[in-house]
Amino acid sequence: MPLADLPGSTTGPDAAVVRVLSYNIRSMRDDREALARVIRACAPDVLCVQEAPRFFRWRKAAAWLARETGLVYTTGGATAAGPMILTSLRAHVERAEDTLLPRVPGLHRRGFATAVLRFGGGHREAPLRDTGRPENGGGKGVRLGVVSCHLSLAAAERYEQAGMLLDHLTALDVPYAIAAGDINDRPDGRAFRRIAGKLRDGWATEPWGSEATFSPKDPHQRIDGIFASEGIEIIGCGVPAGLPGVTDADLRAATDHLPVLAALRLPRVSPA
């Protein structure tokens, strides 16, 4: 049975609706065309990638993914040890940064890809660069901080990184913030619970679609998620299996995780 779609992206006088997709793409080692079809069908404003290509010619691979999905590279990839953010032209990028986390000897280094985005209120207030994007800083709109993350396989390190993630989001000093990524932990795990204790777990708050994100061939556990700060209305969040344009064959072929899609309503904040 087809899955009813979430609300589309809108910007109104009172709020903006933003679609966010989180996806571990396994360095694009699988079926790239299937991956692009899944992402296009989800129509995200913000794509938070984990395990983006990060070695030889990684920028070329990131550019291919952006082009094939109608998005724009914003930040991350090799410079964040794997997490990456792509956005639609609807998102105005105020600032972006990549943060490498402390490395534990013998373990893979982790990082955060971070962007502060603005939706609405900027097109006529700032000139365009040759990229077609408005200059950073112009306009008002609704501001959203986004962090794409991929936490450690080691439990102790993962728990510490969960705390770093929360501190990182707080330091963005924005009205609204989300963390999206591969937590490498189940909802009853210490790291997952640490994040969900401060942010709202999208699936637990407003479930939509299906729950399990790993693995596509035998979905049986939820280790990926989208988490939102207070004030954000989570309209729906889950795995978009059955969404028009998202086929089981493509989900199995694209990578070794299932994506998580959320629609978020961001009320406009009144000036102080």
Protein backbone atom coordinates (compact mmCIF):
# COMPACT_ATOMS: atom_id res chain seq x y z
CA MET A 1 0.00 0.00 0.00
CA PRO A 2 1.49 3.40 -0.98
CA LEU A 3 2.68 5.61 1.86
CA ALA A 4 1.00 9.01 2.16
CA ASP A 5 3.54 11.77 1.65
CA LEU A 6 4.50 14.31 4.27
CA PRO A 7 3.67 17.99 3.70
CA GLY A 8 5.73 19.69 1.03
CA SER A 9 8.14 22.54 1.67
CA THR A 10 6.38 25.84 2.31
CA THR A 11 7.17 29.27 3.70
CA GLY A 12 4.29 31.28 5.11
CA PRO A 13 3.83 34.39 7.22
CA ASP A 14 3.74 32.35 10.44
CA ALA A 15 6.03 29.37 9.81
CA ALA A 16 8.20 27.42 7.39
CA VAL A 17 7.85 23.70 6.69
CA VAL A 18 11.22 22.06 6.04
CA ARG A 19 11.85 18.51 4.83
CA VAL A 20 14.99 16.87 6.26
CA LEU A 21 16.48 13.59 5.07
CA SER A 22 19.20 11.69 6.95
CA TYR A 23 21.02 8.97 5.00
CA ASN A 24 24.11 6.82 5.50
CA ILE A 25 25.28 6.32 1.90
CA ARG A 26 28.27 3.99 2.50
CA SER A 27 30.68 6.19 0.52
CA MET A 28 28.51 5.72 -2.60
CA ARG A 29 29.96 2.25 -3.09
CA ASP A 30 26.64 0.75 -4.09
CA ASP A 31 24.08 1.71 -6.79
CA ARG A 32 24.49 5.45 -7.23
CA GLU A 33 21.51 5.80 -9.55
CA ALA A 34 19.24 4.06 -7.04
CA LEU A 35 20.59 6.34 -4.30
CA ALA A 36 19.82 9.44 -6.35
CA ARG A 37 16.30 8.22 -7.14
CA VAL A 38 15.51 7.67 -3.46
CA ILE A 39 16.77 11.13 -2.49
CA ARG A 40 14.91 12.88 -5.32
CA ALA A 41 11.66 11.13 -4.38
CA CYS A 42 12.03 12.34 -0.78
CA ALA A 43 12.41 15.97 -1.99
CA PRO A 44 14.47 17.22 0.98
CA ASP A 45 15.36 20.81 1.70
CA VAL A 46 18.23 19.49 3.82
CA LEU A 47 20.10 16.23 3.23
CA CYS A 48 22.28 15.08 6.13
CA VAL A 49 24.67 12.46 4.80
CA GLN A 50 26.80 10.01 6.75
CA GLU A 51 29.71 8.08 5.23
CA ALA A 52 30.06 10.55 2.37
CA PRO A 53 33.00 9.85 0.05
CA ARG A 54 36.10 11.13 1.84
CA PHE A 55 39.13 9.85 -0.02
CA PHE A 56 40.33 10.09 -3.64
CA ARG A 57 38.29 12.63 -5.67
CA TRP A 58 35.67 12.91 -2.94
CA ARG A 59 34.66 16.41 -4.06
CA LYS A 60 33.82 15.07 -7.51
CA ALA A 61 31.58 12.40 -5.96
CA ALA A 62 29.86 15.00 -3.76
CA ALA A 63 29.28 17.21 -6.79
CA TRP A 64 27.75 14.28 -8.68
CA LEU A 65 25.36 13.54 -5.82
CA ALA A 66 24.32 17.18 -5.56
CA ARG A 67 23.76 17.48 -9.30
CA GLU A 68 21.78 14.24 -9.61
CA THR A 69 19.50 15.11 -6.69
CA GLY A 70 18.91 18.78 -7.50
CA LEU A 71 20.73 19.91 -4.36
CA VAL A 72 23.81 22.01 -3.59
CA TYR A 73 26.89 21.00 -1.61
CA THR A 74 26.97 22.99 1.63
CA THR A 75 29.67 21.48 3.86
CA GLY A 76 31.34 18.30 5.06
CA GLY A 77 32.63 15.13 3.45
CA ALA A 78 36.31 14.42 3.95
CA THR A 79 36.70 17.62 5.97
CA ALA A 80 34.26 16.27 8.59
CA ALA A 81 35.45 12.63 8.39
CA GLY A 82 32.28 11.53 6.61
CA PRO A 83 29.21 13.61 7.59
CA MET A 84 28.07 16.02 4.89
CA ILE A 85 25.19 18.45 4.31
CA LEU A 86 23.50 19.20 0.99
CA THR A 87 20.67 21.72 0.70
CA SER A 88 18.11 22.91 -1.80
CA LEU A 89 18.27 26.44 -3.17
CA ARG A 90 15.43 27.22 -0.81
CA ALA A 91 17.90 27.19 2.09
CA HIS A 92 20.01 30.31 2.59
CA VAL A 93 23.33 29.36 4.16
CA GLU A 94 24.37 31.81 6.87
CA ARG A 95 27.44 29.84 7.87
CA ALA A 96 28.86 26.35 7.70
CA GLU A 97 31.71 24.55 9.42
CA ASP A 98 33.28 21.13 9.84
CA THR A 99 34.46 19.87 13.23
CA LEU A 100 36.76 16.91 13.82
CA LEU A 101 36.25 15.16 17.15
CA PRO A 102 39.09 13.89 19.36
CA ARG A 103 40.50 10.69 17.97
CA VAL A 104 40.81 7.52 20.03
CA PRO A 105 43.83 5.47 18.88
CA GLY A 106 42.75 2.49 16.83
CA LEU A 107 39.27 3.87 16.11
CA HIS A 108 37.93 5.74 13.09
CA ARG A 109 37.96 9.50 13.52
CA ARG A 110 34.54 11.16 13.67
CA GLY A 111 33.30 14.66 12.99
CA PHE A 112 30.30 16.96 12.64
CA ALA A 113 29.13 18.77 9.50
CA THR A 114 27.30 21.89 10.61
CA ALA A 115 25.24 24.56 8.87
CA VAL A 116 23.09 27.46 10.03
CA LEU A 117 20.33 27.87 7.46
CA ARG A 118 17.62 30.43 6.87
CA PHE A 119 14.30 29.73 5.18
CA GLY A 120 12.35 32.61 3.66
CA GLY A 121 12.83 36.36 3.75
CA GLY A 122 16.15 36.73 1.95
CA HIS A 123 15.77 36.68 -1.83
CA ARG A 124 15.33 40.42 -2.40
CA GLU A 125 17.58 41.62 0.41
CA ALA A 126 20.93 40.26 -0.75
CA PRO A 127 22.80 40.01 -4.06
CA LEU A 128 23.50 36.70 -5.76
CA ARG A 129 26.93 35.15 -6.03
CA ASP A 130 27.99 33.30 -9.16
CA THR A 131 26.74 30.11 -7.45
CA GLY A 132 23.17 31.37 -7.68
CA ARG A 133 22.88 31.55 -3.90
CA PRO A 134 22.03 34.72 -1.99
CA GLU A 135 24.94 36.20 -0.10
CA ASN A 136 25.14 34.98 3.48
CA GLY A 137 23.62 37.18 6.13
CA GLY A 138 20.94 38.99 4.12
CA GLY A 139 17.29 38.79 5.10
CA LYS A 140 15.40 37.59 8.15
CA GLY A 141 13.51 34.36 7.65
CA VAL A 142 13.48 31.37 10.00
CA ARG A 143 16.90 30.20 11.23
CA LEU A 144 17.73 26.54 11.71
CA GLY A 145 20.97 24.96 12.92
CA VAL A 146 21.72 21.54 11.41
CA VAL A 147 24.34 18.98 12.42
CA SER A 148 24.97 15.79 10.47
CA CYS A 149 26.72 13.20 12.62
CA HIS A 150 27.95 9.60 12.63
CA LEU A 151 28.83 8.40 16.11
CA SER A 152 31.37 5.77 17.12
CA LEU A 153 30.92 2.01 17.11
CA ALA A 154 32.60 1.93 20.55
CA ALA A 155 30.07 2.45 23.36
CA ALA A 156 32.17 4.64 25.65
CA GLU A 157 33.36 6.92 22.85
CA ARG A 158 29.84 7.06 21.39
CA TYR A 159 28.42 8.24 24.71
CA GLU A 160 31.02 11.02 24.94
CA GLN A 161 30.33 12.07 21.36
CA ALA A 162 26.61 12.29 22.13
CA GLY A 163 27.46 14.86 24.80
CA MET A 164 29.72 16.75 22.38
CA LEU A 165 26.88 16.81 19.86
CA LEU A 166 24.49 18.39 22.35
CA ASP A 167 27.09 20.99 23.37
CA HIS A 168 27.79 21.72 19.71
CA LEU A 169 24.12 22.36 18.98
CA THR A 170 23.75 24.63 21.99
CA ALA A 171 26.76 26.68 20.90
CA LEU A 172 25.10 27.46 17.55
CA ASP A 173 22.84 29.89 19.42
CA VAL A 174 19.89 29.59 17.02
CA PRO A 175 16.14 29.48 17.69
CA TYR A 176 15.82 25.98 16.26
CA ALA A 177 18.29 23.13 15.86
CA ILE A 178 18.32 19.55 14.65
CA ALA A 179 20.77 16.69 14.77
CA ALA A 180 20.48 13.98 12.13
CA GLY A 181 22.57 10.92 11.59
CA ASP A 182 23.75 7.42 12.22
CA ILE A 183 23.85 7.09 16.00
CA ASN A 184 25.18 3.50 15.93
CA ASP A 185 22.97 2.92 18.94
CA ARG A 186 19.43 1.72 19.53
CA PRO A 187 16.80 3.84 21.31
CA ASP A 188 17.47 2.03 24.60
CA GLY A 189 21.23 2.63 24.35
CA ARG A 190 23.08 5.16 26.52
CA ALA A 191 24.17 7.45 23.69
CA PHE A 192 20.77 7.44 22.00
CA ARG A 193 19.05 8.14 25.31
CA ARG A 194 21.50 10.94 26.06
CA ILE A 195 20.55 12.72 22.84
CA ALA A 196 16.83 12.01 23.18
CA GLY A 197 16.93 13.31 26.75
CA LYS A 198 17.71 16.82 25.47
CA LEU A 199 16.20 16.74 21.97
CA ARG A 200 12.98 15.17 20.72
CA ASP A 201 13.37 11.92 18.81
CA GLY A 202 11.43 12.42 15.57
CA TRP A 203 10.13 8.87 15.22
CA ALA A 204 9.14 8.58 18.89
CA THR A 205 7.36 11.96 18.77
CA GLU A 206 5.43 11.64 15.50
CA PRO A 207 6.00 8.29 13.78
CA TRP A 208 5.40 8.09 10.04
CA GLY A 209 6.45 5.46 7.53
CA SER A 210 8.42 2.61 9.08
CA GLU A 211 10.85 2.49 11.99
CA ALA A 212 13.86 0.21 11.44
CA THR A 213 16.79 1.68 9.52
CA PHE A 214 19.25 -1.22 9.43
CA SER A 215 19.65 -3.14 7.27
CA PRO A 216 17.63 -2.66 4.05
CA LYS A 217 17.51 -6.40 3.36
CA ASP A 218 16.37 -7.22 6.90
CA PRO A 219 15.21 -4.07 8.73
CA HIS A 220 15.22 -4.95 12.42
CA GLN A 221 16.81 -2.10 14.36
CA ARG A 222 16.65 1.69 14.49
CA ILE A 223 20.14 3.19 14.73
CA ASP A 224 19.56 6.33 12.61
CA GLY A 225 17.42 9.29 13.57
CA ILE A 226 16.45 12.94 13.36
CA PHE A 227 16.27 14.88 16.63
CA ALA A 228 14.73 18.33 17.06
CA SER A 229 14.98 21.08 19.65
CA GLU A 230 12.00 22.53 21.49
CA GLY A 231 9.72 24.77 19.45
CA ILE A 232 9.97 22.69 16.29
CA GLU A 233 6.76 20.90 15.39
CA ILE A 234 7.57 17.41 14.13
CA ILE A 235 4.85 16.72 11.57
CA GLY A 236 6.11 13.23 10.81
CA CYS A 237 9.35 11.25 10.82
CA GLY A 238 10.39 7.80 9.68
CA VAL A 239 11.69 5.57 6.91
CA PRO A 240 10.00 6.53 3.61
CA ALA A 241 9.50 2.94 2.41
CA GLY A 242 6.49 2.96 0.11
CA LEU A 243 6.61 6.70 -0.60
CA PRO A 244 5.80 7.31 -4.28
CA GLY A 245 9.08 7.01 -6.18
CA VAL A 246 10.82 5.09 -3.38
CA THR A 247 10.92 1.41 -4.30
CA ASP A 248 12.06 -1.53 -2.19
CA ALA A 249 14.52 -2.43 -4.94
CA ASP A 250 16.14 1.01 -4.83
CA LEU A 251 16.30 1.02 -1.02
CA ARG A 252 18.10 -2.33 -1.04
CA ALA A 253 20.47 -1.34 -3.85
CA ALA A 254 21.35 2.21 -2.77
CA THR A 255 23.33 1.55 0.44
CA ASP A 256 23.36 -0.52 3.64
CA HIS A 257 21.08 1.79 5.67
CA LEU A 258 17.53 3.02 5.17
CA PRO A 259 16.97 6.78 5.11
CA VAL A 260 14.98 8.79 7.64
CA LEU A 261 12.72 11.58 6.36
CA ALA A 262 11.06 14.24 8.51
CA ALA A 263 8.80 17.20 7.89
CA LEU A 264 9.35 19.96 10.44
CA ARG A 265 7.32 23.09 11.05
CA LEU A 266 9.39 26.06 12.23
CA PRO A 267 7.28 28.92 13.63
CA ARG A 268 8.60 32.38 12.97
CA VAL A 269 10.24 33.93 16.01
CA SER A 270 9.07 37.41 16.93
CA PRO A 271 11.87 40.02 17.12
CA ALA A 272 13.01 40.83 20.65
